């Protein structure tokens, strides 16, 4: 079998091919909401996208910064970065994810941040098979993950498109 390559046709097909490849995957909004709070000597910054397309997880980027002049030690918050209790914005109901997830049971060593050092990672709210709509993560749920804080977080609100 002989295949004939037509350069003109190939070039015109690239944008369509790239569009079809990128349209298949999950998407996360580049628009984000950032909140900052203090927990003792740690400044904690949470960044959350405004919307996502249907996918397994909703990503929350979190950064811990040591704002003191001495080392700070704390348990690794990313040991179990999963958040199960995502609420439907309208009803307040926590939906049941369609996938099972668990965290590791072994405890990693504590994190030690020197003065001015940062530690960043990602929490993942489980939203597998949730329908399109408006959702929120209650601040208490996230603060359990972030430990205690002196200033309360606002609920993290997002949309599945």
C-alpha atoms as a PDB file:
ATOM      1  CA  UNK A   1       0.000   0.000   0.000  1.00  0.00           C
ATOM      2  CA  UNK A   2       1.362   3.380  -0.976  1.00  0.00           C
ATOM      3  CA  UNK A   3       0.665   6.551   1.044  1.00  0.00           C
ATOM      4  CA  UNK A   4       1.042   9.881  -0.698  1.00  0.00           C
ATOM      5  CA  UNK A   5       2.000  12.840   1.476  1.00  0.00           C
ATOM      6  CA  UNK A   6       0.455  16.172   0.510  1.00  0.00           C
ATOM      7  CA  UNK A   7       2.323  18.980   2.302  1.00  0.00           C
ATOM      8  CA  UNK A   8      -0.374  21.632   1.723  1.00  0.00           C
ATOM      9  CA  UNK A   9      -3.084  19.438   3.151  1.00  0.00           C
ATOM     10  CA  UNK A  10      -0.899  18.367   6.055  1.00  0.00           C
ATOM     11  CA  UNK A  11      -0.230  21.964   7.141  1.00  0.00           C
ATOM     12  CA  UNK A  12      -3.895  22.907   7.002  1.00  0.00           C
ATOM     13  CA  UNK A  13      -4.836  19.873   9.091  1.00  0.00           C
ATOM     14  CA  UNK A  14      -2.415  20.632  11.983  1.00  0.00           C
ATOM     15  CA  UNK A  15      -4.604  23.227  13.744  1.00  0.00           C
ATOM     16  CA  UNK A  16      -7.607  20.895  13.544  1.00  0.00           C
ATOM     17  CA  UNK A  17      -5.547  17.967  14.815  1.00  0.00           C
ATOM     18  CA  UNK A  18      -4.109  20.003  17.711  1.00  0.00           C
ATOM     19  CA  UNK A  19      -7.551  21.313  18.612  1.00  0.00           C
ATOM     20  CA  UNK A  20      -9.012  17.821  18.672  1.00  0.00           C
ATOM     21  CA  UNK A  21      -6.153  16.520  20.841  1.00  0.00           C
ATOM     22  CA  UNK A  22      -6.420  19.339  23.388  1.00  0.00           C
ATOM     23  CA  UNK A  23     -10.224  19.269  23.483  1.00  0.00           C
ATOM     24  CA  UNK A  24     -10.243  15.700  24.823  1.00  0.00           C
ATOM     25  CA  UNK A  25      -8.446  16.330  28.104  1.00  0.00           C
ATOM     26  CA  UNK A  26      -9.634  17.832  31.341  1.00  0.00           C
ATOM     27  CA  UNK A  27      -9.275  21.571  31.688  1.00  0.00           C
ATOM     28  CA  UNK A  28      -8.675  23.874  34.650  1.00  0.00           C
ATOM     29  CA  UNK A  29      -9.385  27.604  34.573  1.00  0.00           C
ATOM     30  CA  UNK A  30      -6.388  29.914  34.509  1.00  0.00           C
ATOM     31  CA  UNK A  31      -8.522  32.380  36.492  1.00  0.00           C
ATOM     32  CA  UNK A  32      -7.896  31.678  40.169  1.00  0.00           C
ATOM     33  CA  UNK A  33      -8.793  32.913  43.635  1.00  0.00           C
ATOM     34  CA  UNK A  34      -5.988  33.274  46.174  1.00  0.00           C
ATOM     35  CA  UNK A  35      -6.432  33.430  49.946  1.00  0.00           C
ATOM     36  CA  UNK A  36      -3.723  33.930  52.547  1.00  0.00           C
ATOM     37  CA  UNK A  37      -3.883  33.246  56.277  1.00  0.00           C
ATOM     38  CA  UNK A  38      -1.542  32.861  59.228  1.00  0.00           C
ATOM     39  CA  UNK A  39      -1.129  29.786  61.417  1.00  0.00           C
ATOM     40  CA  UNK A  40       1.422  30.779  64.022  1.00  0.00           C
ATOM     41  CA  UNK A  41       4.690  31.514  62.221  1.00  0.00           C
ATOM     42  CA  UNK A  42       3.456  29.997  58.956  1.00  0.00           C
ATOM     43  CA  UNK A  43       1.810  32.054  56.237  1.00  0.00           C
ATOM     44  CA  UNK A  44      -0.423  29.772  54.197  1.00  0.00           C
ATOM     45  CA  UNK A  45      -1.511  30.694  50.674  1.00  0.00           C
ATOM     46  CA  UNK A  46      -4.300  28.732  48.959  1.00  0.00           C
ATOM     47  CA  UNK A  47      -4.903  29.179  45.220  1.00  0.00           C
ATOM     48  CA  UNK A  48      -7.970  27.609  43.626  1.00  0.00           C
ATOM     49  CA  UNK A  49      -9.194  27.684  40.007  1.00  0.00           C
ATOM     50  CA  UNK A  50     -12.610  29.260  39.333  1.00  0.00           C
ATOM     51  CA  UNK A  51     -13.771  26.316  37.226  1.00  0.00           C
ATOM     52  CA  UNK A  52     -12.791  22.886  35.929  1.00  0.00           C
ATOM     53  CA  UNK A  53     -14.240  20.511  33.373  1.00  0.00           C
ATOM     54  CA  UNK A  54     -15.473  17.094  34.595  1.00  0.00           C
ATOM     55  CA  UNK A  55     -12.468  15.234  36.005  1.00  0.00           C
ATOM     56  CA  UNK A  56     -11.286  13.114  38.919  1.00  0.00           C
ATOM     57  CA  UNK A  57      -9.884  15.899  41.139  1.00  0.00           C
ATOM     58  CA  UNK A  58     -10.216  19.619  41.772  1.00  0.00           C
ATOM     59  CA  UNK A  59      -6.704  21.018  42.431  1.00  0.00           C
ATOM     60  CA  UNK A  60      -5.867  23.405  45.271  1.00  0.00           C
ATOM     61  CA  UNK A  61      -2.334  24.771  45.256  1.00  0.00           C
ATOM     62  CA  UNK A  62      -1.049  25.479  48.756  1.00  0.00           C
ATOM     63  CA  UNK A  63       2.161  27.129  49.888  1.00  0.00           C
ATOM     64  CA  UNK A  64       3.553  27.349  53.423  1.00  0.00           C
ATOM     65  CA  UNK A  65       6.041  30.145  54.149  1.00  0.00           C
ATOM     66  CA  UNK A  66       8.010  30.495  57.383  1.00  0.00           C
ATOM     67  CA  UNK A  67       7.661  34.150  58.408  1.00  0.00           C
ATOM     68  CA  UNK A  68       9.654  33.854  61.652  1.00  0.00           C
ATOM     69  CA  UNK A  69      13.354  34.215  62.382  1.00  0.00           C
ATOM     70  CA  UNK A  70      13.652  30.624  63.607  1.00  0.00           C
ATOM     71  CA  UNK A  71      12.976  27.174  62.134  1.00  0.00           C
ATOM     72  CA  UNK A  72       9.377  25.916  62.182  1.00  0.00           C
ATOM     73  CA  UNK A  73       8.532  22.207  62.364  1.00  0.00           C
ATOM     74  CA  UNK A  74       5.140  20.779  61.420  1.00  0.00           C
ATOM     75  CA  UNK A  75       3.618  17.520  60.209  1.00  0.00           C
ATOM     76  CA  UNK A  76       3.633  17.172  56.429  1.00  0.00           C
ATOM     77  CA  UNK A  77       0.243  18.526  55.279  1.00  0.00           C
ATOM     78  CA  UNK A  78       0.562  16.728  51.937  1.00  0.00           C
ATOM     79  CA  UNK A  79       0.817  13.315  53.608  1.00  0.00           C
ATOM     80  CA  UNK A  80      -2.867  12.905  52.748  1.00  0.00           C
ATOM     81  CA  UNK A  81      -3.719  15.638  50.241  1.00  0.00           C
ATOM     82  CA  UNK A  82      -7.233  14.349  49.477  1.00  0.00           C
ATOM     83  CA  UNK A  83     -10.424  16.218  50.367  1.00  0.00           C
ATOM     84  CA  UNK A  84     -13.622  14.154  50.292  1.00  0.00           C
ATOM     85  CA  UNK A  85     -16.352  16.601  51.391  1.00  0.00           C
ATOM     86  CA  UNK A  86     -17.153  18.710  48.334  1.00  0.00           C
ATOM     87  CA  UNK A  87     -20.629  20.255  48.645  1.00  0.00           C
ATOM     88  CA  UNK A  88     -23.197  21.079  45.997  1.00  0.00           C
ATOM     89  CA  UNK A  89     -23.535  24.885  46.223  1.00  0.00           C
ATOM     90  CA  UNK A  90     -27.324  24.882  45.820  1.00  0.00           C
ATOM     91  CA  UNK A  91     -28.351  22.073  48.172  1.00  0.00           C
ATOM     92  CA  UNK A  92     -25.370  21.976  50.536  1.00  0.00           C
ATOM     93  CA  UNK A  93     -25.285  18.204  50.043  1.00  0.00           C
ATOM     94  CA  UNK A  94     -21.967  16.386  49.972  1.00  0.00           C
ATOM     95  CA  UNK A  95     -22.009  14.196  46.895  1.00  0.00           C
ATOM     96  CA  UNK A  96     -20.605  10.680  46.873  1.00  0.00           C
ATOM     97  CA  UNK A  97     -17.607  10.294  44.527  1.00  0.00           C
ATOM     98  CA  UNK A  98     -17.740   7.444  42.037  1.00  0.00           C
ATOM     99  CA  UNK A  99     -14.161   6.391  42.788  1.00  0.00           C
ATOM    100  CA  UNK A 100     -12.568   5.131  45.975  1.00  0.00           C
ATOM    101  CA  UNK A 101      -9.440   6.853  47.230  1.00  0.00           C
ATOM    102  CA  UNK A 102      -7.360   6.306  50.327  1.00  0.00           C
ATOM    103  CA  UNK A 103      -4.272   7.827  51.865  1.00  0.00           C
ATOM    104  CA  UNK A 104      -1.095   6.108  52.871  1.00  0.00           C
ATOM    105  CA  UNK A 105      -0.988   5.011  56.485  1.00  0.00           C
ATOM    106  CA  UNK A 106       2.726   5.538  57.111  1.00  0.00           C
ATOM    107  CA  UNK A 107       3.641   8.917  58.577  1.00  0.00           C
ATOM    108  CA  UNK A 108       6.458  10.814  56.868  1.00  0.00           C
ATOM    109  CA  UNK A 109       8.917  12.779  58.986  1.00  0.00           C
ATOM    110  CA  UNK A 110       7.955  16.300  60.031  1.00  0.00           C
ATOM    111  CA  UNK A 111       8.776  19.187  57.710  1.00  0.00           C
ATOM    112  CA  UNK A 112      11.295  21.721  58.946  1.00  0.00           C
ATOM    113  CA  UNK A 113      11.296  25.151  57.313  1.00  0.00           C
ATOM    114  CA  UNK A 114      14.103  27.555  58.049  1.00  0.00           C
ATOM    115  CA  UNK A 115      13.454  31.303  58.264  1.00  0.00           C
ATOM    116  CA  UNK A 116      12.073  32.558  54.935  1.00  0.00           C
ATOM    117  CA  UNK A 117      11.744  29.044  53.434  1.00  0.00           C
ATOM    118  CA  UNK A 118       8.656  27.801  51.557  1.00  0.00           C
ATOM    119  CA  UNK A 119       7.021  24.429  51.099  1.00  0.00           C
ATOM    120  CA  UNK A 120       4.402  23.994  48.347  1.00  0.00           C
ATOM    121  CA  UNK A 121       2.142  21.248  47.079  1.00  0.00           C
ATOM    122  CA  UNK A 122      -1.375  20.445  45.981  1.00  0.00           C
ATOM    123  CA  UNK A 123      -4.500  19.236  47.729  1.00  0.00           C
ATOM    124  CA  UNK A 124      -6.984  17.349  45.560  1.00  0.00           C
ATOM    125  CA  UNK A 125     -10.709  17.492  46.191  1.00  0.00           C
ATOM    126  CA  UNK A 126     -12.365  14.332  44.880  1.00  0.00           C
ATOM    127  CA  UNK A 127     -15.020  15.269  42.289  1.00  0.00           C
ATOM    128  CA  UNK A 128     -15.095  12.126  40.152  1.00  0.00           C
ATOM    129  CA  UNK A 129     -18.269  11.835  38.084  1.00  0.00           C
ATOM    130  CA  UNK A 130     -19.883  14.922  39.652  1.00  0.00           C
ATOM    131  CA  UNK A 131     -22.372  16.589  37.301  1.00  0.00           C
ATOM    132  CA  UNK A 132     -21.824  20.074  35.932  1.00  0.00           C
ATOM    133  CA  UNK A 133     -22.782  22.745  38.438  1.00  0.00           C
ATOM    134  CA  UNK A 134     -21.635  24.980  41.288  1.00  0.00           C
ATOM    135  CA  UNK A 135     -19.642  23.493  44.186  1.00  0.00           C
ATOM    136  CA  UNK A 136     -17.821  24.574  47.301  1.00  0.00           C
ATOM    137  CA  UNK A 137     -15.350  23.275  49.807  1.00  0.00           C
ATOM    138  CA  UNK A 138     -16.270  24.376  53.313  1.00  0.00           C
ATOM    139  CA  UNK A 139     -13.444  26.261  55.010  1.00  0.00           C
ATOM    140  CA  UNK A 140     -13.592  23.864  57.973  1.00  0.00           C
ATOM    141  CA  UNK A 141     -12.747  20.979  55.643  1.00  0.00           C
ATOM    142  CA  UNK A 142      -9.714  22.759  54.284  1.00  0.00           C
ATOM    143  CA  UNK A 143      -8.652  24.083  57.686  1.00  0.00           C
ATOM    144  CA  UNK A 144      -8.595  20.498  59.000  1.00  0.00           C
ATOM    145  CA  UNK A 145      -6.036  19.851  56.273  1.00  0.00           C
ATOM    146  CA  UNK A 146      -4.203  23.116  57.013  1.00  0.00           C
ATOM    147  CA  UNK A 147      -4.271  22.710  60.816  1.00  0.00           C
ATOM    148  CA  UNK A 148      -5.429  25.613  62.973  1.00  0.00           C
ATOM    149  CA  UNK A 149      -5.318  29.184  61.760  1.00  0.00           C
ATOM    150  CA  UNK A 150      -5.805  32.625  63.240  1.00  0.00           C
ATOM    151  CA  UNK A 151      -7.955  33.890  60.364  1.00  0.00           C
ATOM    152  CA  UNK A 152     -10.728  31.846  58.777  1.00  0.00           C
ATOM    153  CA  UNK A 153     -10.710  30.998  55.099  1.00  0.00           C
ATOM    154  CA  UNK A 154     -13.640  31.832  52.874  1.00  0.00           C
ATOM    155  CA  UNK A 155     -15.377  28.840  51.296  1.00  0.00           C
ATOM    156  CA  UNK A 156     -13.692  27.751  48.090  1.00  0.00           C
ATOM    157  CA  UNK A 157     -16.311  28.031  45.369  1.00  0.00           C
ATOM    158  CA  UNK A 158     -15.904  26.626  41.878  1.00  0.00           C
ATOM    159  CA  UNK A 159     -17.835  25.419  38.895  1.00  0.00           C
ATOM    160  CA  UNK A 160     -17.696  22.168  36.953  1.00  0.00           C
ATOM    161  CA  UNK A 161     -18.416  23.056  33.331  1.00  0.00           C
END
